[in-house]
Amino acid sequence: MENNNDQSITNFAAIKTTIANNEEQRLKELLAGQVMQELEKSYLIDLAKLGNNHAILKILKDIPVEN
């Protein structure tokens, strides 16, 4: 059984794969209700810039950040 940390790592890996594959709808599903740390969000935005998919960049930029 996975603990919350393992689930978080697994989810983050799935998000990175989804960005690399330019899967907009899947990315929306994975991010639904998510709040991220600024560093995580920044990393994902940098990753998405490599693919130059503006829709994915917008999805990522709209993620709320933890205070």
N, C-alpha and C. Protein backbone atom coordinates (compact mmCIF):
# COMPACT_ATOMS: atom_id res chain seq x y z
N MET A 1 0.85 -1.18 0.00
CA MET A 1 0.00 0.00 0.00
C MET A 1 0.90 1.25 0.00
N GLU A 2 0.55 2.21 -0.85
CA GLU A 2 1.33 3.43 -0.95
C GLU A 2 0.93 4.41 0.15
N ASN A 3 1.91 5.14 0.67
CA ASN A 3 1.56 6.21 1.58
C ASN A 3 1.37 7.49 0.76
N ASN A 4 1.00 8.59 1.41
CA ASN A 4 0.71 9.83 0.69
C ASN A 4 1.91 10.35 -0.08
N ASN A 5 3.11 10.20 0.47
CA ASN A 5 4.31 10.67 -0.21
C ASN A 5 4.53 9.88 -1.51
N ASP A 6 4.36 8.57 -1.46
CA ASP A 6 4.51 7.75 -2.65
C ASP A 6 3.47 8.11 -3.70
N GLN A 7 2.24 8.36 -3.27
CA GLN A 7 1.18 8.74 -4.20
C GLN A 7 1.50 10.08 -4.83
N SER A 8 2.04 11.02 -4.06
CA SER A 8 2.40 12.33 -4.56
C SER A 8 3.50 12.21 -5.61
N ILE A 9 4.50 11.39 -5.34
CA ILE A 9 5.60 11.19 -6.29
C ILE A 9 5.08 10.53 -7.57
N THR A 10 4.22 9.55 -7.42
CA THR A 10 3.64 8.87 -8.57
C THR A 10 2.80 9.84 -9.40
N ASN A 11 2.01 10.67 -8.75
CA ASN A 11 1.18 11.64 -9.45
C ASN A 11 2.05 12.65 -10.18
N PHE A 12 3.13 13.13 -9.55
CA PHE A 12 4.02 14.10 -10.17
C PHE A 12 4.68 13.49 -11.41
N ALA A 13 5.07 12.23 -11.33
CA ALA A 13 5.67 11.55 -12.48
C ALA A 13 4.65 11.43 -13.61
N ALA A 14 3.41 11.13 -13.27
CA ALA A 14 2.36 11.05 -14.28
C ALA A 14 2.12 12.40 -14.94
N ILE A 15 2.17 13.46 -14.16
CA ILE A 15 2.00 14.81 -14.71
C ILE A 15 3.13 15.13 -15.68
N LYS A 16 4.36 14.81 -15.31
CA LYS A 16 5.50 15.07 -16.21
C LYS A 16 5.36 14.29 -17.52
N THR A 17 4.96 13.03 -17.43
CA THR A 17 4.77 12.22 -18.63
C THR A 17 3.67 12.80 -19.51
N THR A 18 2.60 13.22 -18.88
CA THR A 18 1.48 13.80 -19.62
C THR A 18 1.89 15.08 -20.35
N ILE A 19 2.70 15.90 -19.70
CA ILE A 19 3.21 17.12 -20.34
C ILE A 19 4.08 16.75 -21.53
N ALA A 20 4.97 15.80 -21.35
CA ALA A 20 5.88 15.38 -22.43
C ALA A 20 5.10 14.83 -23.63
N ASN A 21 3.96 14.20 -23.35
CA ASN A 21 3.14 13.61 -24.41
C ASN A 21 2.10 14.59 -24.97
N ASN A 22 2.09 15.82 -24.47
CA ASN A 22 1.14 16.86 -24.91
C ASN A 22 -0.32 16.41 -24.77
N GLU A 23 -0.65 15.78 -23.67
CA GLU A 23 -2.01 15.29 -23.43
C GLU A 23 -2.77 16.28 -22.55
N GLU A 24 -3.41 17.26 -23.20
CA GLU A 24 -4.07 18.34 -22.47
C GLU A 24 -5.18 17.84 -21.55
N GLN A 25 -6.07 16.99 -22.07
CA GLN A 25 -7.21 16.54 -21.26
C GLN A 25 -6.74 15.71 -20.07
N ARG A 26 -5.80 14.84 -20.28
CA ARG A 26 -5.27 14.02 -19.17
C ARG A 26 -4.60 14.91 -18.12
N LEU A 27 -3.91 15.95 -18.57
CA LEU A 27 -3.28 16.88 -17.63
C LEU A 27 -4.33 17.56 -16.77
N LYS A 28 -5.42 17.99 -17.39
CA LYS A 28 -6.51 18.62 -16.63
C LYS A 28 -7.05 17.66 -15.57
N GLU A 29 -7.19 16.39 -15.94
CA GLU A 29 -7.70 15.38 -15.00
C GLU A 29 -6.74 15.20 -13.83
N LEU A 30 -5.46 15.11 -14.11
CA LEU A 30 -4.46 14.90 -13.06
C LEU A 30 -4.35 16.09 -12.12
N LEU A 31 -4.57 17.29 -12.65
CA LEU A 31 -4.40 18.50 -11.85
C LEU A 31 -5.68 18.98 -11.17
N ALA A 32 -6.78 18.33 -11.44
CA ALA A 32 -8.07 18.75 -10.86
C ALA A 32 -7.97 18.80 -9.34
N GLY A 33 -8.21 19.97 -8.79
CA GLY A 33 -8.20 20.14 -7.34
C GLY A 33 -6.82 20.19 -6.71
N GLN A 34 -5.77 20.23 -7.51
CA GLN A 34 -4.41 20.21 -6.99
C GLN A 34 -3.93 21.62 -6.63
N VAL A 35 -3.12 21.70 -5.61
CA VAL A 35 -2.40 22.90 -5.23
C VAL A 35 -0.93 22.48 -5.18
N MET A 36 -0.05 23.32 -5.72
CA MET A 36 1.37 22.95 -5.78
C MET A 36 2.25 23.98 -5.10
N GLN A 37 3.45 23.55 -4.80
CA GLN A 37 4.47 24.48 -4.34
C GLN A 37 5.00 25.22 -5.57
N GLU A 38 5.46 26.43 -5.36
CA GLU A 38 5.95 27.26 -6.47
C GLU A 38 7.07 26.57 -7.25
N LEU A 39 7.97 25.88 -6.56
CA LEU A 39 9.08 25.20 -7.23
C LEU A 39 8.59 24.10 -8.17
N GLU A 40 7.61 23.32 -7.72
CA GLU A 40 7.05 22.26 -8.57
C GLU A 40 6.39 22.87 -9.81
N LYS A 41 5.60 23.89 -9.59
CA LYS A 41 4.89 24.55 -10.69
C LYS A 41 5.89 25.12 -11.69
N SER A 42 6.91 25.78 -11.21
CA SER A 42 7.93 26.37 -12.07
C SER A 42 8.63 25.30 -12.90
N TYR A 43 8.95 24.17 -12.28
CA TYR A 43 9.60 23.06 -12.98
C TYR A 43 8.71 22.55 -14.11
N LEU A 44 7.43 22.35 -13.81
CA LEU A 44 6.51 21.84 -14.83
C LEU A 44 6.33 22.82 -15.98
N ILE A 45 6.30 24.10 -15.67
CA ILE A 45 6.19 25.12 -16.72
C ILE A 45 7.44 25.09 -17.61
N ASP A 46 8.61 24.97 -17.00
CA ASP A 46 9.84 24.87 -17.79
C ASP A 46 9.82 23.64 -18.69
N LEU A 47 9.34 22.53 -18.17
CA LEU A 47 9.23 21.30 -18.95
C LEU A 47 8.27 21.50 -20.12
N ALA A 48 7.15 22.15 -19.87
CA ALA A 48 6.15 22.37 -20.92
C ALA A 48 6.67 23.31 -22.00
N LYS A 49 7.52 24.24 -21.63
CA LYS A 49 8.08 25.17 -22.62
C LYS A 49 8.89 24.43 -23.68
N LEU A 50 9.48 23.30 -23.32
CA LEU A 50 10.24 22.50 -24.29
C LEU A 50 9.33 21.98 -25.41
N GLY A 51 8.08 21.68 -25.06
CA GLY A 51 7.12 21.19 -26.05
C GLY A 51 6.40 22.29 -26.78
N ASN A 52 6.51 23.52 -26.28
CA ASN A 52 5.92 24.70 -26.90
C ASN A 52 4.42 24.55 -27.16
N ASN A 53 3.72 23.89 -26.23
CA ASN A 53 2.27 23.74 -26.34
C ASN A 53 1.62 24.80 -25.45
N HIS A 54 1.04 25.80 -26.07
CA HIS A 54 0.50 26.94 -25.33
C HIS A 54 -0.68 26.56 -24.44
N ALA A 55 -1.48 25.59 -24.86
CA ALA A 55 -2.62 25.15 -24.05
C ALA A 55 -2.13 24.51 -22.75
N ILE A 56 -1.10 23.70 -22.84
CA ILE A 56 -0.55 23.05 -21.65
C ILE A 56 0.09 24.10 -20.74
N LEU A 57 0.79 25.06 -21.32
CA LEU A 57 1.38 26.13 -20.51
C LEU A 57 0.31 26.89 -19.75
N LYS A 58 -0.81 27.18 -20.39
CA LYS A 58 -1.89 27.90 -19.72
C LYS A 58 -2.46 27.07 -18.57
N ILE A 59 -2.66 25.79 -18.80
CA ILE A 59 -3.17 24.90 -17.73
C ILE A 59 -2.24 24.97 -16.53
N LEU A 60 -0.94 24.88 -16.78
CA LEU A 60 0.03 24.88 -15.69
C LEU A 60 0.10 26.23 -14.99
N LYS A 61 0.04 27.30 -15.73
CA LYS A 61 0.11 28.63 -15.13
C LYS A 61 -1.11 28.92 -14.25
N ASP A 62 -2.22 28.23 -14.52
CA ASP A 62 -3.44 28.42 -13.74
C ASP A 62 -3.50 27.59 -12.46
N ILE A 63 -2.49 26.76 -12.20
CA ILE A 63 -2.47 25.94 -10.99
C ILE A 63 -2.28 26.85 -9.78
N PRO A 64 -3.14 26.70 -8.76
CA PRO A 64 -2.93 27.50 -7.54
C PRO A 64 -1.66 27.05 -6.81
N VAL A 65 -1.05 28.01 -6.13
CA VAL A 65 0.19 27.77 -5.39
C VAL A 65 -0.10 27.79 -3.90
N GLU A 66 0.56 26.85 -3.18
CA GLU A 66 0.43 26.83 -1.72
C GLU A 66 1.00 28.11 -1.11
N ASN A 67 0.37 28.56 -0.07
CA ASN A 67 0.88 29.76 0.63
C ASN A 67 1.85 29.38 1.71
